[in-house]
Amino acid sequence: ILNYGCETPSGPETLIIKLPPADDQSRMTASSLNLFEIENRFYAELASDAAIRVPKCFYSAMNRPLDQHVLLLEDLTSSIVGDDVSGASYQQASLVVNELAVMHASWWESDRLNELSWLKSWLHLKEAERMESLYNDSWPKISEYGFEVPAGVVKVGNRLQSSVADIHADLSRPPWTLGHGDVRLDNLLF
């Protein structure tokens, strides 16, 4: 519980603090993809217009040259956290799809997207090459995570290795909207 140094605090009793990961590999990957800046600026500049429920941001700061970033977010630990390994119920999956549709619809072909140079764009060849390299470096290591990947997923994952650039090209075509960028159950609260 937070101590505000006064008898009648006006802030929340608890907060979530998000910092860059301590693990060097994760930190380096997130930094190379500019994920810290994207998340900080989303909360600072776009969260109030997202059209979906996101944690309230009480503070956001970053120092890109030093790779220092911090977010103080609303504590939603009373929610149910999704689980990538266990999977989603039909109701949870439906809720996710519907919420994403609301967000996508609210940003559909928005002129404001052109003003947000810090957002990742599928249009940039450098970004496509970076994502292809990251995927091709990461996919062969999937077995190191300690769980069995179903044969069908392995088959699709292997096929994707030669398709990342084509997928980028397809996603570069209009219409455009704001996308989440990392939709997976571990990043979702119900």
C-alpha atoms as a PDB file:
ATOM      1  CA  ILE A   1       0.000   0.000   0.000  1.00  0.00           C
ATOM      2  CA  LEU A   2       1.327   3.384  -0.986  1.00  0.00           C
ATOM      3  CA  ASN A   3       2.192   5.957   1.622  1.00  0.00           C
ATOM      4  CA  TYR A   4       1.495   9.479   0.391  1.00  0.00           C
ATOM      5  CA  GLY A   5       2.818  11.153   3.543  1.00  0.00           C
ATOM      6  CA  CYS A   6      -0.582  12.574   4.502  1.00  0.00           C
ATOM      7  CA  GLU A   7      -3.660  11.408   6.378  1.00  0.00           C
ATOM      8  CA  THR A   8      -6.114  11.607   3.470  1.00  0.00           C
ATOM      9  CA  PRO A   9      -4.355  10.504   0.279  1.00  0.00           C
ATOM     10  CA  SER A  10      -6.068  11.324  -2.992  1.00  0.00           C
ATOM     11  CA  GLY A  11      -4.325   8.662  -5.060  1.00  0.00           C
ATOM     12  CA  PRO A  12      -4.771   4.912  -5.422  1.00  0.00           C
ATOM     13  CA  GLU A  13      -3.673   2.535  -2.660  1.00  0.00           C
ATOM     14  CA  THR A  14      -1.643   0.398  -5.085  1.00  0.00           C
ATOM     15  CA  LEU A  15      -0.027   0.796  -8.518  1.00  0.00           C
ATOM     16  CA  ILE A  16       1.680  -1.349 -11.117  1.00  0.00           C
ATOM     17  CA  ILE A  17       5.138  -0.162 -12.127  1.00  0.00           C
ATOM     18  CA  LYS A  18       6.449  -1.210 -15.533  1.00  0.00           C
ATOM     19  CA  LEU A  19      10.166  -1.042 -16.151  1.00  0.00           C
ATOM     20  CA  PRO A  20      12.357  -2.505 -18.893  1.00  0.00           C
ATOM     21  CA  PRO A  21      13.180  -6.173 -18.227  1.00  0.00           C
ATOM     22  CA  ALA A  22      16.282  -6.978 -16.193  1.00  0.00           C
ATOM     23  CA  ASP A  23      17.133  -9.816 -18.606  1.00  0.00           C
ATOM     24  CA  ASP A  24      19.656  -8.417 -21.121  1.00  0.00           C
ATOM     25  CA  GLN A  25      18.327 -10.382 -24.127  1.00  0.00           C
ATOM     26  CA  SER A  26      14.709  -9.322 -23.584  1.00  0.00           C
ATOM     27  CA  ARG A  27      15.750  -5.742 -22.938  1.00  0.00           C
ATOM     28  CA  MET A  28      17.909  -5.642 -26.080  1.00  0.00           C
ATOM     29  CA  THR A  29      15.117  -7.087 -28.250  1.00  0.00           C
ATOM     30  CA  ALA A  30      12.510  -4.677 -26.864  1.00  0.00           C
ATOM     31  CA  SER A  31      14.895  -1.770 -27.269  1.00  0.00           C
ATOM     32  CA  SER A  32      15.772  -2.652 -30.870  1.00  0.00           C
ATOM     33  CA  LEU A  33      12.050  -2.763 -31.699  1.00  0.00           C
ATOM     34  CA  ASN A  34      11.446   0.519 -29.831  1.00  0.00           C
ATOM     35  CA  LEU A  35       8.780  -1.197 -27.724  1.00  0.00           C
ATOM     36  CA  PHE A  36       9.407   0.894 -24.604  1.00  0.00           C
ATOM     37  CA  GLU A  37       8.826   4.198 -26.376  1.00  0.00           C
ATOM     38  CA  ILE A  38       5.763   2.847 -28.164  1.00  0.00           C
ATOM     39  CA  GLU A  39       4.162   1.683 -24.918  1.00  0.00           C
ATOM     40  CA  ASN A  40       5.048   4.882 -23.010  1.00  0.00           C
ATOM     41  CA  ARG A  41       3.749   7.123 -25.759  1.00  0.00           C
ATOM     42  CA  PHE A  42       0.612   5.030 -26.203  1.00  0.00           C
ATOM     43  CA  TYR A  43      -0.284   5.625 -22.557  1.00  0.00           C
ATOM     44  CA  ALA A  44       0.745   9.289 -22.669  1.00  0.00           C
ATOM     45  CA  GLU A  45      -0.842  10.187 -26.021  1.00  0.00           C
ATOM     46  CA  LEU A  46      -3.403   7.615 -27.144  1.00  0.00           C
ATOM     47  CA  ALA A  47      -4.821   5.585 -24.258  1.00  0.00           C
ATOM     48  CA  SER A  48      -7.643   8.040 -23.596  1.00  0.00           C
ATOM     49  CA  ASP A  49      -8.702   7.707 -27.259  1.00  0.00           C
ATOM     50  CA  ALA A  50      -8.252   3.941 -27.586  1.00  0.00           C
ATOM     51  CA  ALA A  51     -12.023   3.281 -27.357  1.00  0.00           C
ATOM     52  CA  ILE A  52     -11.331   0.195 -25.215  1.00  0.00           C
ATOM     53  CA  ARG A  53     -10.621  -0.262 -21.522  1.00  0.00           C
ATOM     54  CA  VAL A  54      -6.931   0.152 -20.736  1.00  0.00           C
ATOM     55  CA  PRO A  55      -5.289   0.645 -17.344  1.00  0.00           C
ATOM     56  CA  LYS A  56      -5.223   4.271 -16.258  1.00  0.00           C
ATOM     57  CA  CYS A  57      -1.724   5.725 -16.509  1.00  0.00           C
ATOM     58  CA  PHE A  58      -0.677   7.895 -13.577  1.00  0.00           C
ATOM     59  CA  TYR A  59       2.858   8.603 -14.800  1.00  0.00           C
ATOM     60  CA  SER A  60       4.925   7.968 -17.909  1.00  0.00           C
ATOM     61  CA  ALA A  61       8.561   8.909 -18.480  1.00  0.00           C
ATOM     62  CA  MET A  62      11.382   7.821 -20.734  1.00  0.00           C
ATOM     63  CA  ASN A  63      14.952   8.623 -21.597  1.00  0.00           C
ATOM     64  CA  ARG A  64      15.578   6.946 -24.952  1.00  0.00           C
ATOM     65  CA  PRO A  65      19.335   7.548 -25.173  1.00  0.00           C
ATOM     66  CA  LEU A  66      19.813   5.824 -21.798  1.00  0.00           C
ATOM     67  CA  ASP A  67      17.055   3.262 -22.499  1.00  0.00           C
ATOM     68  CA  GLN A  68      15.288   4.206 -19.268  1.00  0.00           C
ATOM     69  CA  HIS A  69      11.509   3.959 -19.165  1.00  0.00           C
ATOM     70  CA  VAL A  70       8.837   3.843 -16.472  1.00  0.00           C
ATOM     71  CA  LEU A  71       5.064   3.588 -16.377  1.00  0.00           C
ATOM     72  CA  LEU A  72       2.881   3.813 -13.256  1.00  0.00           C
ATOM     73  CA  LEU A  73      -0.406   2.119 -14.110  1.00  0.00           C
ATOM     74  CA  GLU A  74      -3.685   1.380 -12.435  1.00  0.00           C
ATOM     75  CA  ASP A  75      -3.529  -1.842 -10.454  1.00  0.00           C
ATOM     76  CA  LEU A  76      -5.975  -4.258 -12.076  1.00  0.00           C
ATOM     77  CA  THR A  77      -4.774  -7.356 -10.228  1.00  0.00           C
ATOM     78  CA  SER A  78      -8.357  -8.086  -9.235  1.00  0.00           C
ATOM     79  CA  SER A  79      -8.886  -8.988 -12.916  1.00  0.00           C
ATOM     80  CA  ILE A  80      -8.205 -12.413 -14.368  1.00  0.00           C
ATOM     81  CA  VAL A  81      -4.933 -12.484 -16.291  1.00  0.00           C
ATOM     82  CA  GLY A  82      -4.964 -14.420 -19.558  1.00  0.00           C
ATOM     83  CA  ASP A  83      -2.659 -17.412 -19.932  1.00  0.00           C
ATOM     84  CA  ASP A  84      -0.936 -18.162 -23.248  1.00  0.00           C
ATOM     85  CA  VAL A  85      -0.368 -21.791 -22.291  1.00  0.00           C
ATOM     86  CA  SER A  86      -3.839 -22.608 -20.911  1.00  0.00           C
ATOM     87  CA  GLY A  87      -5.618 -20.808 -23.721  1.00  0.00           C
ATOM     88  CA  ALA A  88      -8.850 -18.845 -23.765  1.00  0.00           C
ATOM     89  CA  SER A  89     -12.432 -19.845 -23.270  1.00  0.00           C
ATOM     90  CA  TYR A  90     -14.863 -19.146 -26.094  1.00  0.00           C
ATOM     91  CA  GLN A  91     -16.236 -16.202 -24.096  1.00  0.00           C
ATOM     92  CA  GLN A  92     -12.748 -14.738 -23.545  1.00  0.00           C
ATOM     93  CA  ALA A  93     -11.795 -15.141 -27.204  1.00  0.00           C
ATOM     94  CA  SER A  94     -15.047 -13.475 -28.288  1.00  0.00           C
ATOM     95  CA  LEU A  95     -14.460 -10.602 -25.888  1.00  0.00           C
ATOM     96  CA  VAL A  96     -10.925 -10.050 -27.237  1.00  0.00           C
ATOM     97  CA  VAL A  97     -12.071 -10.067 -30.868  1.00  0.00           C
ATOM     98  CA  ASN A  98     -14.948  -7.687 -30.112  1.00  0.00           C
ATOM     99  CA  GLU A  99     -12.733  -5.266 -28.148  1.00  0.00           C
ATOM    100  CA  LEU A 100     -10.115  -5.236 -30.907  1.00  0.00           C
ATOM    101  CA  ALA A 101     -12.850  -4.559 -33.462  1.00  0.00           C
ATOM    102  CA  VAL A 102     -13.992  -1.553 -31.408  1.00  0.00           C
ATOM    103  CA  MET A 103     -10.438  -0.190 -31.252  1.00  0.00           C
ATOM    104  CA  HIS A 104      -9.798  -0.812 -34.955  1.00  0.00           C
ATOM    105  CA  ALA A 105     -13.099   0.802 -35.925  1.00  0.00           C
ATOM    106  CA  SER A 106     -12.388   3.920 -33.876  1.00  0.00           C
ATOM    107  CA  TRP A 107      -9.030   4.438 -35.648  1.00  0.00           C
ATOM    108  CA  TRP A 108     -10.082   3.197 -39.100  1.00  0.00           C
ATOM    109  CA  GLU A 109      -8.424   5.360 -41.785  1.00  0.00           C
ATOM    110  CA  SER A 110      -7.830   8.095 -39.201  1.00  0.00           C
ATOM    111  CA  ASP A 111      -5.737  11.022 -40.458  1.00  0.00           C
ATOM    112  CA  ARG A 112      -4.219  11.170 -36.983  1.00  0.00           C
ATOM    113  CA  LEU A 113      -2.245   7.984 -37.707  1.00  0.00           C
ATOM    114  CA  ASN A 114      -0.028   9.978 -40.086  1.00  0.00           C
ATOM    115  CA  GLU A 115       0.967  12.299 -37.238  1.00  0.00           C
ATOM    116  CA  LEU A 116       2.252   9.492 -35.000  1.00  0.00           C
ATOM    117  CA  SER A 117       5.731   8.911 -36.393  1.00  0.00           C
ATOM    118  CA  TRP A 118       6.719   6.831 -33.357  1.00  0.00           C
ATOM    119  CA  LEU A 119       4.209   4.105 -34.222  1.00  0.00           C
ATOM    120  CA  LYS A 120       5.477   1.072 -36.073  1.00  0.00           C
ATOM    121  CA  SER A 121       4.472   1.145 -39.700  1.00  0.00           C
ATOM    122  CA  TRP A 122       4.314  -1.849 -41.970  1.00  0.00           C
ATOM    123  CA  LEU A 123       5.312   0.435 -44.835  1.00  0.00           C
ATOM    124  CA  HIS A 124       8.989   0.663 -43.958  1.00  0.00           C
ATOM    125  CA  LEU A 125      11.244  -1.912 -45.590  1.00  0.00           C
ATOM    126  CA  LYS A 126      13.676  -1.677 -42.660  1.00  0.00           C
ATOM    127  CA  GLU A 127      10.901  -2.664 -40.272  1.00  0.00           C
ATOM    128  CA  ALA A 128       9.918  -5.614 -42.475  1.00  0.00           C
ATOM    129  CA  GLU A 129      13.531  -6.779 -42.631  1.00  0.00           C
ATOM    130  CA  ARG A 130      13.924  -6.420 -38.853  1.00  0.00           C
ATOM    131  CA  MET A 131      10.778  -8.432 -38.161  1.00  0.00           C
ATOM    132  CA  GLU A 132      11.785 -11.128 -40.639  1.00  0.00           C
ATOM    133  CA  SER A 133      15.218 -11.381 -39.025  1.00  0.00           C
ATOM    134  CA  LEU A 134      13.734 -11.493 -35.530  1.00  0.00           C
ATOM    135  CA  TYR A 135      11.238 -14.193 -36.521  1.00  0.00           C
ATOM    136  CA  ASN A 136      13.836 -16.295 -38.306  1.00  0.00           C
ATOM    137  CA  ASP A 137      16.230 -16.013 -35.351  1.00  0.00           C
ATOM    138  CA  SER A 138      13.515 -16.776 -32.780  1.00  0.00           C
ATOM    139  CA  TRP A 139      11.408 -19.491 -34.377  1.00  0.00           C
ATOM    140  CA  PRO A 140      14.083 -22.222 -34.352  1.00  0.00           C
ATOM    141  CA  LYS A 141      14.503 -21.637 -30.582  1.00  0.00           C
ATOM    142  CA  ILE A 142      10.829 -22.243 -29.764  1.00  0.00           C
ATOM    143  CA  SER A 143      11.605 -25.662 -28.287  1.00  0.00           C
ATOM    144  CA  GLU A 144      13.805 -23.996 -25.631  1.00  0.00           C
ATOM    145  CA  TYR A 145      10.684 -22.687 -23.852  1.00  0.00           C
ATOM    146  CA  GLY A 146      10.055 -26.095 -22.311  1.00  0.00           C
ATOM    147  CA  PHE A 147       6.649 -26.973 -23.674  1.00  0.00           C
ATOM    148  CA  GLU A 148       5.570 -29.115 -26.586  1.00  0.00           C
ATOM    149  CA  VAL A 149       4.406 -27.192 -29.623  1.00  0.00           C
ATOM    150  CA  PRO A 150       1.609 -28.947 -31.525  1.00  0.00           C
ATOM    151  CA  ALA A 151       2.674 -30.319 -34.929  1.00  0.00           C
ATOM    152  CA  GLY A 152       0.187 -28.080 -36.760  1.00  0.00           C
ATOM    153  CA  VAL A 153       1.656 -24.969 -35.127  1.00  0.00           C
ATOM    154  CA  VAL A 154       5.197 -26.087 -36.011  1.00  0.00           C
ATOM    155  CA  LYS A 155       4.125 -26.612 -39.629  1.00  0.00           C
ATOM    156  CA  VAL A 156       2.584 -23.119 -39.862  1.00  0.00           C
ATOM    157  CA  GLY A 157       5.528 -21.569 -38.003  1.00  0.00           C
ATOM    158  CA  ASN A 158       8.007 -23.150 -40.409  1.00  0.00           C
ATOM    159  CA  ARG A 159       6.022 -21.912 -43.425  1.00  0.00           C
ATOM    160  CA  LEU A 160       5.950 -18.396 -42.002  1.00  0.00           C
ATOM    161  CA  GLN A 161       9.758 -18.206 -42.001  1.00  0.00           C
ATOM    162  CA  SER A 162       9.770 -17.603 -45.734  1.00  0.00           C
ATOM    163  CA  SER A 163       6.651 -15.401 -45.679  1.00  0.00           C
ATOM    164  CA  VAL A 164       7.341 -12.604 -43.181  1.00  0.00           C
ATOM    165  CA  ALA A 165       8.279 -10.068 -45.881  1.00  0.00           C
ATOM    166  CA  ASP A 166       5.186 -10.978 -47.936  1.00  0.00           C
ATOM    167  CA  ILE A 167       2.968 -10.592 -44.867  1.00  0.00           C
ATOM    168  CA  HIS A 168       4.472  -7.139 -44.292  1.00  0.00           C
ATOM    169  CA  ALA A 169       3.738  -6.206 -47.898  1.00  0.00           C
ATOM    170  CA  ASP A 170       0.120  -7.343 -47.550  1.00  0.00           C
ATOM    171  CA  LEU A 171      -0.310  -5.433 -44.283  1.00  0.00           C
ATOM    172  CA  SER A 172       1.137  -2.291 -45.880  1.00  0.00           C
ATOM    173  CA  ARG A 173      -1.889  -1.858 -48.094  1.00  0.00           C
ATOM    174  CA  PRO A 174      -4.755   0.384 -46.979  1.00  0.00           C
ATOM    175  CA  PRO A 175      -7.057   0.610 -45.165  1.00  0.00           C
ATOM    176  CA  TRP A 176      -5.008   1.427 -42.051  1.00  0.00           C
ATOM    177  CA  THR A 177      -5.895   1.473 -38.392  1.00  0.00           C
ATOM    178  CA  LEU A 178      -4.276   1.364 -34.975  1.00  0.00           C
ATOM    179  CA  GLY A 179      -3.276  -2.153 -33.956  1.00  0.00           C
ATOM    180  CA  HIS A 180      -2.280  -3.555 -30.573  1.00  0.00           C
ATOM    181  CA  GLY A 181       0.980  -5.099 -31.744  1.00  0.00           C
ATOM    182  CA  ASP A 182       1.216  -7.834 -29.083  1.00  0.00           C
ATOM    183  CA  VAL A 183      -2.199  -9.425 -28.655  1.00  0.00           C
ATOM    184  CA  ARG A 184      -1.720 -12.566 -26.632  1.00  0.00           C
ATOM    185  CA  LEU A 185      -3.431 -13.841 -23.534  1.00  0.00           C
ATOM    186  CA  ASP A 186      -0.549 -13.031 -21.171  1.00  0.00           C
ATOM    187  CA  ASN A 187      -1.066  -9.350 -22.084  1.00  0.00           C
ATOM    188  CA  LEU A 188      -4.819  -9.332 -21.495  1.00  0.00           C
ATOM    189  CA  LEU A 189      -6.949  -8.864 -18.395  1.00  0.00           C
ATOM    190  CA  PHE A 190     -10.520 -10.111 -18.090  1.00  0.00           C
END
